[in-house]
């Protein structure tokens, strides 16, 4: 859904509706600058584009230099995801900069199939749960709790305080097949190109990797996450 025009978007930002992103005309000044500041304060992704892009995206033809994209998807909080573990060991998946909607949809599908309590995504530099993501997830997004947080590193810290062991899924760690993976587990999977960011990786307790036997040295983010998530499930089923 699109909201267009300076006043309309400013009023939208006063509500609790989920704004996926705001497209602003380049070199925004005046009230557009105020909209930018308000969006950043709320952790909303802002994309600067040429006027011709806004003209193409506009439904009304009167965008006034700004279009907001909203969604009807209802996000959960990190506390909701932690509480969902109940009496069993918790399992959480964190996405560090996954910007491709196909990867995010696949990650959510993996989360549903492996019994994860939820998926955590950052509010910036990340794909959001759109209609496309719900479709790609094969409907799993309707059943999996997804939390959108302002700071993924803060989410990592909160999970550690709640008793979770944090595992960064990277190329140079110990084999995931030798990792403990018991208790409350949270796996951090990085973006398509950059992987898990350095600071986020430093905050994790362990770095785990998948053995690579071929000539290609990496897997698609959602594929790698799928292998790791099923290893968590496998070890829990063995107990």
C-alpha atoms as a PDB file:
ATOM      1  CA  UNK A   1       0.000   0.000   0.000  1.00  0.00           C
ATOM      2  CA  UNK A   2       1.290   3.476  -0.871  1.00  0.00           C
ATOM      3  CA  UNK A   3       0.805   6.760   0.971  1.00  0.00           C
ATOM      4  CA  UNK A   4       1.743   9.868  -1.016  1.00  0.00           C
ATOM      5  CA  UNK A   5       2.235  13.540  -0.253  1.00  0.00           C
ATOM      6  CA  UNK A   6       4.091  15.341   2.528  1.00  0.00           C
ATOM      7  CA  UNK A   7       1.230  15.830   4.972  1.00  0.00           C
ATOM      8  CA  UNK A   8      -0.189  12.340   4.413  1.00  0.00           C
ATOM      9  CA  UNK A   9       3.176  10.666   5.040  1.00  0.00           C
ATOM     10  CA  UNK A  10       3.886  12.848   8.076  1.00  0.00           C
ATOM     11  CA  UNK A  11       0.557  11.826   9.603  1.00  0.00           C
ATOM     12  CA  UNK A  12       1.285   8.188   8.748  1.00  0.00           C
ATOM     13  CA  UNK A  13       4.491   8.378  10.785  1.00  0.00           C
ATOM     14  CA  UNK A  14       2.429   9.329  13.845  1.00  0.00           C
ATOM     15  CA  UNK A  15       0.590   5.987  13.729  1.00  0.00           C
ATOM     16  CA  UNK A  16       1.714   2.479  14.689  1.00  0.00           C
ATOM     17  CA  UNK A  17       1.366   1.165  11.133  1.00  0.00           C
ATOM     18  CA  UNK A  18       4.346  -0.729   9.727  1.00  0.00           C
ATOM     19  CA  UNK A  19       6.162   1.442   7.181  1.00  0.00           C
ATOM     20  CA  UNK A  20       8.486  -0.693   5.074  1.00  0.00           C
ATOM     21  CA  UNK A  21      10.304   2.194   3.453  1.00  0.00           C
ATOM     22  CA  UNK A  22       9.975   5.810   2.393  1.00  0.00           C
ATOM     23  CA  UNK A  23      11.043   7.000  -1.031  1.00  0.00           C
ATOM     24  CA  UNK A  24      12.224  10.607  -0.969  1.00  0.00           C
ATOM     25  CA  UNK A  25      13.179  12.804  -3.872  1.00  0.00           C
ATOM     26  CA  UNK A  26      16.918  13.408  -3.969  1.00  0.00           C
ATOM     27  CA  UNK A  27      18.252  16.612  -2.376  1.00  0.00           C
ATOM     28  CA  UNK A  28      15.229  16.761  -0.067  1.00  0.00           C
ATOM     29  CA  UNK A  29      14.879  20.048   1.793  1.00  0.00           C
ATOM     30  CA  UNK A  30      12.320  21.840   3.939  1.00  0.00           C
ATOM     31  CA  UNK A  31       9.441  19.601   5.023  1.00  0.00           C
ATOM     32  CA  UNK A  32      10.984  16.678   3.137  1.00  0.00           C
ATOM     33  CA  UNK A  33      14.021  17.030   5.366  1.00  0.00           C
ATOM     34  CA  UNK A  34      11.739  16.897   8.404  1.00  0.00           C
ATOM     35  CA  UNK A  35      10.151  13.711   7.075  1.00  0.00           C
ATOM     36  CA  UNK A  36      13.603  12.196   6.630  1.00  0.00           C
ATOM     37  CA  UNK A  37      14.551  13.024  10.226  1.00  0.00           C
ATOM     38  CA  UNK A  38      11.300  11.563  11.566  1.00  0.00           C
ATOM     39  CA  UNK A  39      11.705   8.386   9.537  1.00  0.00           C
ATOM     40  CA  UNK A  40      15.271   7.877  10.760  1.00  0.00           C
ATOM     41  CA  UNK A  41      14.121   8.424  14.339  1.00  0.00           C
ATOM     42  CA  UNK A  42      11.651   5.555  13.940  1.00  0.00           C
ATOM     43  CA  UNK A  43      14.208   3.306  12.237  1.00  0.00           C
ATOM     44  CA  UNK A  44      12.426   3.339   8.876  1.00  0.00           C
ATOM     45  CA  UNK A  45      14.476   2.723   5.737  1.00  0.00           C
ATOM     46  CA  UNK A  46      14.692   5.807   3.499  1.00  0.00           C
ATOM     47  CA  UNK A  47      15.516   5.502  -0.192  1.00  0.00           C
ATOM     48  CA  UNK A  48      16.516   8.626  -2.134  1.00  0.00           C
ATOM     49  CA  UNK A  49      15.380   8.476  -5.747  1.00  0.00           C
ATOM     50  CA  UNK A  50      15.009  10.699  -8.793  1.00  0.00           C
ATOM     51  CA  UNK A  51      11.706  12.467  -9.373  1.00  0.00           C
ATOM     52  CA  UNK A  52      11.026  10.294 -12.416  1.00  0.00           C
ATOM     53  CA  UNK A  53      11.090   7.204 -10.183  1.00  0.00           C
ATOM     54  CA  UNK A  54       8.483   8.768  -7.889  1.00  0.00           C
ATOM     55  CA  UNK A  55       6.414   9.753 -10.921  1.00  0.00           C
ATOM     56  CA  UNK A  56       6.441   6.119 -12.045  1.00  0.00           C
ATOM     57  CA  UNK A  57       5.570   4.757  -8.570  1.00  0.00           C
ATOM     58  CA  UNK A  58       2.851   7.317  -7.882  1.00  0.00           C
ATOM     59  CA  UNK A  59      -0.771   6.238  -7.960  1.00  0.00           C
ATOM     60  CA  UNK A  60      -2.288   9.688  -7.475  1.00  0.00           C
ATOM     61  CA  UNK A  61       0.168  11.743  -9.523  1.00  0.00           C
ATOM     62  CA  UNK A  62       0.625  14.125  -6.563  1.00  0.00           C
ATOM     63  CA  UNK A  63       3.464  12.596  -4.543  1.00  0.00           C
ATOM     64  CA  UNK A  64       5.101  15.959  -3.635  1.00  0.00           C
ATOM     65  CA  UNK A  65       8.471  14.256  -3.496  1.00  0.00           C
ATOM     66  CA  UNK A  66       7.607  11.460  -1.082  1.00  0.00           C
ATOM     67  CA  UNK A  67       5.931   8.034  -1.145  1.00  0.00           C
ATOM     68  CA  UNK A  68       5.668   5.691   1.845  1.00  0.00           C
ATOM     69  CA  UNK A  69       5.245   1.937   1.406  1.00  0.00           C
ATOM     70  CA  UNK A  70       3.274   0.208   4.168  1.00  0.00           C
ATOM     71  CA  UNK A  71       2.291  -3.387   4.835  1.00  0.00           C
ATOM     72  CA  UNK A  72      -0.487  -5.132   6.686  1.00  0.00           C
ATOM     73  CA  UNK A  73       1.951  -7.679   8.158  1.00  0.00           C
ATOM     74  CA  UNK A  74       1.931  -7.604  11.952  1.00  0.00           C
ATOM     75  CA  UNK A  75       5.395  -7.882  13.443  1.00  0.00           C
ATOM     76  CA  UNK A  76       6.068  -9.455  16.818  1.00  0.00           C
ATOM     77  CA  UNK A  77       8.475  -8.168  19.451  1.00  0.00           C
ATOM     78  CA  UNK A  78      11.689  -9.888  20.474  1.00  0.00           C
ATOM     79  CA  UNK A  79      10.067 -10.539  23.862  1.00  0.00           C
ATOM     80  CA  UNK A  80       7.226 -12.360  22.074  1.00  0.00           C
ATOM     81  CA  UNK A  81       9.740 -14.648  20.384  1.00  0.00           C
ATOM     82  CA  UNK A  82      11.632 -15.346  23.603  1.00  0.00           C
ATOM     83  CA  UNK A  83       8.380 -16.116  25.417  1.00  0.00           C
ATOM     84  CA  UNK A  84       7.335 -18.546  22.654  1.00  0.00           C
ATOM     85  CA  UNK A  85       9.940 -21.088  23.788  1.00  0.00           C
ATOM     86  CA  UNK A  86       7.812 -21.915  26.826  1.00  0.00           C
ATOM     87  CA  UNK A  87       9.330 -24.815  28.787  1.00  0.00           C
ATOM     88  CA  UNK A  88      11.389 -26.127  25.876  1.00  0.00           C
ATOM     89  CA  UNK A  89      14.772 -24.941  24.632  1.00  0.00           C
ATOM     90  CA  UNK A  90      14.421 -21.855  22.469  1.00  0.00           C
ATOM     91  CA  UNK A  91      15.526 -21.504  18.862  1.00  0.00           C
ATOM     92  CA  UNK A  92      15.797 -18.104  17.168  1.00  0.00           C
ATOM     93  CA  UNK A  93      17.118 -17.082  13.746  1.00  0.00           C
ATOM     94  CA  UNK A  94      18.620 -13.627  13.216  1.00  0.00           C
ATOM     95  CA  UNK A  95      19.141 -12.130   9.752  1.00  0.00           C
ATOM     96  CA  UNK A  96      22.060  -9.718   9.500  1.00  0.00           C
ATOM     97  CA  UNK A  97      21.536  -7.706   6.340  1.00  0.00           C
ATOM     98  CA  UNK A  98      19.531 -10.079   4.166  1.00  0.00           C
ATOM     99  CA  UNK A  99      18.169  -7.696   1.546  1.00  0.00           C
ATOM    100  CA  UNK A 100      16.892 -10.149  -1.046  1.00  0.00           C
ATOM    101  CA  UNK A 101      13.181 -10.930  -0.606  1.00  0.00           C
ATOM    102  CA  UNK A 102      13.662 -14.444  -1.964  1.00  0.00           C
ATOM    103  CA  UNK A 103      16.264 -15.195   0.701  1.00  0.00           C
ATOM    104  CA  UNK A 104      14.140 -13.731   3.496  1.00  0.00           C
ATOM    105  CA  UNK A 105      11.083 -15.672   2.351  1.00  0.00           C
ATOM    106  CA  UNK A 106      13.138 -18.863   2.270  1.00  0.00           C
ATOM    107  CA  UNK A 107      14.605 -18.164   5.725  1.00  0.00           C
ATOM    108  CA  UNK A 108      11.110 -17.772   7.174  1.00  0.00           C
ATOM    109  CA  UNK A 109      10.053 -21.010   5.492  1.00  0.00           C
ATOM    110  CA  UNK A 110      13.062 -22.795   7.036  1.00  0.00           C
ATOM    111  CA  UNK A 111      12.181 -21.317  10.427  1.00  0.00           C
ATOM    112  CA  UNK A 112       8.663 -22.728  10.216  1.00  0.00           C
ATOM    113  CA  UNK A 113       9.813 -26.164   9.041  1.00  0.00           C
ATOM    114  CA  UNK A 114      12.480 -26.528  11.748  1.00  0.00           C
ATOM    115  CA  UNK A 115      10.326 -25.317  14.623  1.00  0.00           C
ATOM    116  CA  UNK A 116      12.124 -22.034  15.288  1.00  0.00           C
ATOM    117  CA  UNK A 117      10.351 -19.699  17.689  1.00  0.00           C
ATOM    118  CA  UNK A 118      10.890 -16.725  15.437  1.00  0.00           C
ATOM    119  CA  UNK A 119      13.015 -14.686  13.042  1.00  0.00           C
ATOM    120  CA  UNK A 120      14.632 -11.352  13.871  1.00  0.00           C
ATOM    121  CA  UNK A 121      15.418  -8.769  11.188  1.00  0.00           C
ATOM    122  CA  UNK A 122      16.881  -5.256  11.480  1.00  0.00           C
ATOM    123  CA  UNK A 123      14.792  -2.254  10.485  1.00  0.00           C
ATOM    124  CA  UNK A 124      17.488  -0.983   8.099  1.00  0.00           C
ATOM    125  CA  UNK A 125      19.619  -2.690   5.443  1.00  0.00           C
ATOM    126  CA  UNK A 126      17.212  -5.598   5.325  1.00  0.00           C
ATOM    127  CA  UNK A 127      14.287  -6.885   3.332  1.00  0.00           C
ATOM    128  CA  UNK A 128      10.961  -6.571   5.143  1.00  0.00           C
ATOM    129  CA  UNK A 129       7.979  -8.906   5.199  1.00  0.00           C
ATOM    130  CA  UNK A 130       6.063  -7.884   2.090  1.00  0.00           C
ATOM    131  CA  UNK A 131       3.440  -9.721   0.065  1.00  0.00           C
ATOM    132  CA  UNK A 132       6.277 -11.119  -2.061  1.00  0.00           C
ATOM    133  CA  UNK A 133       8.074 -12.488   1.015  1.00  0.00           C
ATOM    134  CA  UNK A 134       4.866 -14.097   2.297  1.00  0.00           C
ATOM    135  CA  UNK A 135       4.362 -15.722  -1.105  1.00  0.00           C
ATOM    136  CA  UNK A 136       7.966 -16.938  -1.342  1.00  0.00           C
ATOM    137  CA  UNK A 137       7.743 -18.363   2.187  1.00  0.00           C
ATOM    138  CA  UNK A 138       4.866 -20.558   0.940  1.00  0.00           C
ATOM    139  CA  UNK A 139       2.674 -18.993   3.599  1.00  0.00           C
ATOM    140  CA  UNK A 140       5.099 -19.739   6.460  1.00  0.00           C
ATOM    141  CA  UNK A 141       5.185 -16.014   7.270  1.00  0.00           C
ATOM    142  CA  UNK A 142       1.609 -16.389   8.500  1.00  0.00           C
ATOM    143  CA  UNK A 143       2.791 -18.803  11.192  1.00  0.00           C
ATOM    144  CA  UNK A 144       6.269 -17.592  12.185  1.00  0.00           C
ATOM    145  CA  UNK A 145       6.860 -14.694  14.553  1.00  0.00           C
ATOM    146  CA  UNK A 146       9.038 -12.048  12.903  1.00  0.00           C
ATOM    147  CA  UNK A 147      10.481  -9.208  14.966  1.00  0.00           C
ATOM    148  CA  UNK A 148      11.850  -6.063  13.341  1.00  0.00           C
ATOM    149  CA  UNK A 149      14.406  -4.403  15.641  1.00  0.00           C
ATOM    150  CA  UNK A 150      16.253  -1.089  15.471  1.00  0.00           C
ATOM    151  CA  UNK A 151      19.555  -2.729  16.459  1.00  0.00           C
ATOM    152  CA  UNK A 152      20.449  -6.338  15.710  1.00  0.00           C
ATOM    153  CA  UNK A 153      23.432  -6.111  18.069  1.00  0.00           C
ATOM    154  CA  UNK A 154      21.143  -5.056  20.892  1.00  0.00           C
ATOM    155  CA  UNK A 155      18.884  -8.000  20.064  1.00  0.00           C
ATOM    156  CA  UNK A 156      21.924 -10.290  20.327  1.00  0.00           C
ATOM    157  CA  UNK A 157      22.686  -8.860  23.766  1.00  0.00           C
ATOM    158  CA  UNK A 158      19.086  -9.297  24.916  1.00  0.00           C
ATOM    159  CA  UNK A 159      19.046 -12.906  23.746  1.00  0.00           C
ATOM    160  CA  UNK A 160      22.270 -13.616  25.637  1.00  0.00           C
ATOM    161  CA  UNK A 161      20.728 -12.130  28.778  1.00  0.00           C
ATOM    162  CA  UNK A 162      17.737 -14.425  28.229  1.00  0.00           C
ATOM    163  CA  UNK A 163      20.037 -17.468  28.246  1.00  0.00           C
ATOM    164  CA  UNK A 164      20.677 -18.056  24.554  1.00  0.00           C
ATOM    165  CA  UNK A 165      23.938 -19.210  22.995  1.00  0.00           C
ATOM    166  CA  UNK A 166      24.648 -17.166  19.866  1.00  0.00           C
ATOM    167  CA  UNK A 167      26.137 -18.856  16.784  1.00  0.00           C
ATOM    168  CA  UNK A 168      27.376 -16.803  13.826  1.00  0.00           C
ATOM    169  CA  UNK A 169      27.115 -18.817  10.601  1.00  0.00           C
ATOM    170  CA  UNK A 170      30.295 -17.927   8.712  1.00  0.00           C
ATOM    171  CA  UNK A 171      32.907 -19.539   6.474  1.00  0.00           C
ATOM    172  CA  UNK A 172      35.818 -19.778   8.921  1.00  0.00           C
ATOM    173  CA  UNK A 173      34.367 -21.265  12.091  1.00  0.00           C
ATOM    174  CA  UNK A 174      34.245 -24.723  13.593  1.00  0.00           C
ATOM    175  CA  UNK A 175      32.188 -27.345  11.795  1.00  0.00           C
ATOM    176  CA  UNK A 176      28.565 -27.075  12.784  1.00  0.00           C
ATOM    177  CA  UNK A 177      28.533 -30.876  13.054  1.00  0.00           C
ATOM    178  CA  UNK A 178      30.907 -30.682  16.030  1.00  0.00           C
ATOM    179  CA  UNK A 179      29.100 -27.788  17.733  1.00  0.00           C
ATOM    180  CA  UNK A 180      27.086 -28.423  20.900  1.00  0.00           C
ATOM    181  CA  UNK A 181      23.845 -26.677  19.814  1.00  0.00           C
ATOM    182  CA  UNK A 182      22.133 -27.598  23.092  1.00  0.00           C
ATOM    183  CA  UNK A 183      20.030 -25.315  25.271  1.00  0.00           C
ATOM    184  CA  UNK A 184      18.670 -22.066  23.904  1.00  0.00           C
ATOM    185  CA  UNK A 185      20.183 -21.491  20.453  1.00  0.00           C
ATOM    186  CA  UNK A 186      20.200 -18.421  18.215  1.00  0.00           C
ATOM    187  CA  UNK A 187      21.800 -18.579  14.770  1.00  0.00           C
ATOM    188  CA  UNK A 188      22.897 -15.404  12.979  1.00  0.00           C
ATOM    189  CA  UNK A 189      22.981 -15.652   9.190  1.00  0.00           C
ATOM    190  CA  UNK A 190      24.610 -12.851   7.224  1.00  0.00           C
ATOM    191  CA  UNK A 191      23.740 -10.958   4.084  1.00  0.00           C
ATOM    192  CA  UNK A 192      24.209 -12.203   0.555  1.00  0.00           C
ATOM    193  CA  UNK A 193      27.561 -10.476   0.005  1.00  0.00           C
ATOM    194  CA  UNK A 194      28.924  -9.222   3.315  1.00  0.00           C
ATOM    195  CA  UNK A 195      28.062 -12.086   5.654  1.00  0.00           C
ATOM    196  CA  UNK A 196      27.709 -11.465   9.385  1.00  0.00           C
ATOM    197  CA  UNK A 197      29.044  -8.023  10.249  1.00  0.00           C
ATOM    198  CA  UNK A 198      32.258  -7.869  12.300  1.00  0.00           C
ATOM    199  CA  UNK A 199      30.744  -6.342  15.444  1.00  0.00           C
ATOM    200  CA  UNK A 200      27.787  -8.735  15.412  1.00  0.00           C
ATOM    201  CA  UNK A 201      30.147 -11.663  14.953  1.00  0.00           C
ATOM    202  CA  UNK A 202      32.250 -10.459  17.898  1.00  0.00           C
ATOM    203  CA  UNK A 203      29.170 -10.437  20.110  1.00  0.00           C
ATOM    204  CA  UNK A 204      28.350 -14.069  19.267  1.00  0.00           C
ATOM    205  CA  UNK A 205      29.575 -16.930  21.465  1.00  0.00           C
ATOM    206  CA  UNK A 206      30.618 -19.201  18.594  1.00  0.00           C
ATOM    207  CA  UNK A 207      31.319 -19.121  14.868  1.00  0.00           C
ATOM    208  CA  UNK A 208      30.163 -22.215  12.976  1.00  0.00           C
ATOM    209  CA  UNK A 209      30.618 -23.261   9.360  1.00  0.00           C
ATOM    210  CA  UNK A 210      29.366 -25.823   6.890  1.00  0.00           C
ATOM    211  CA  UNK A 211      31.958 -28.139   5.309  1.00  0.00           C
ATOM    212  CA  UNK A 212      32.566 -27.195   1.678  1.00  0.00           C
ATOM    213  CA  UNK A 213      33.775 -29.889  -0.716  1.00  0.00           C
ATOM    214  CA  UNK A 214      33.253 -28.325  -4.132  1.00  0.00           C
ATOM    215  CA  UNK A 215      35.023 -25.586  -6.059  1.00  0.00           C
ATOM    216  CA  UNK A 216      32.446 -22.942  -5.073  1.00  0.00           C
ATOM    217  CA  UNK A 217      33.278 -21.644  -1.610  1.00  0.00           C
ATOM    218  CA  UNK A 218      29.879 -20.444  -0.406  1.00  0.00           C
ATOM    219  CA  UNK A 219      26.173 -21.229  -0.339  1.00  0.00           C
ATOM    220  CA  UNK A 220      23.137 -19.032  -0.761  1.00  0.00           C
ATOM    221  CA  UNK A 221      22.280 -17.508   2.649  1.00  0.00           C
ATOM    222  CA  UNK A 222      18.933 -19.275   3.008  1.00  0.00           C
ATOM    223  CA  UNK A 223      20.374 -22.612   1.864  1.00  0.00           C
ATOM    224  CA  UNK A 224      23.195 -22.386   4.421  1.00  0.00           C
ATOM    225  CA  UNK A 225      20.711 -21.437   7.119  1.00  0.00           C
ATOM    226  CA  UNK A 226      18.548 -24.420   6.148  1.00  0.00           C
ATOM    227  CA  UNK A 227      21.411 -26.866   6.668  1.00  0.00           C
ATOM    228  CA  UNK A 228      22.318 -25.270  10.018  1.00  0.00           C
ATOM    229  CA  UNK A 229      18.728 -25.134  11.253  1.00  0.00           C
ATOM    230  CA  UNK A 230      18.162 -28.787  10.469  1.00  0.00           C
ATOM    231  CA  UNK A 231      21.311 -29.664  12.392  1.00  0.00           C
ATOM    232  CA  UNK A 232      19.792 -27.917  15.424  1.00  0.00           C
ATOM    233  CA  UNK A 233      16.563 -29.879  14.908  1.00  0.00           C
ATOM    234  CA  UNK A 234      18.448 -33.163  14.406  1.00  0.00           C
ATOM    235  CA  UNK A 235      20.382 -32.864  17.663  1.00  0.00           C
ATOM    236  CA  UNK A 236      17.212 -32.051  19.573  1.00  0.00           C
ATOM    237  CA  UNK A 237      15.413 -35.045  18.122  1.00  0.00           C
ATOM    238  CA  UNK A 238      18.288 -37.310  19.171  1.00  0.00           C
ATOM    239  CA  UNK A 239      17.783 -36.507  22.861  1.00  0.00           C
END
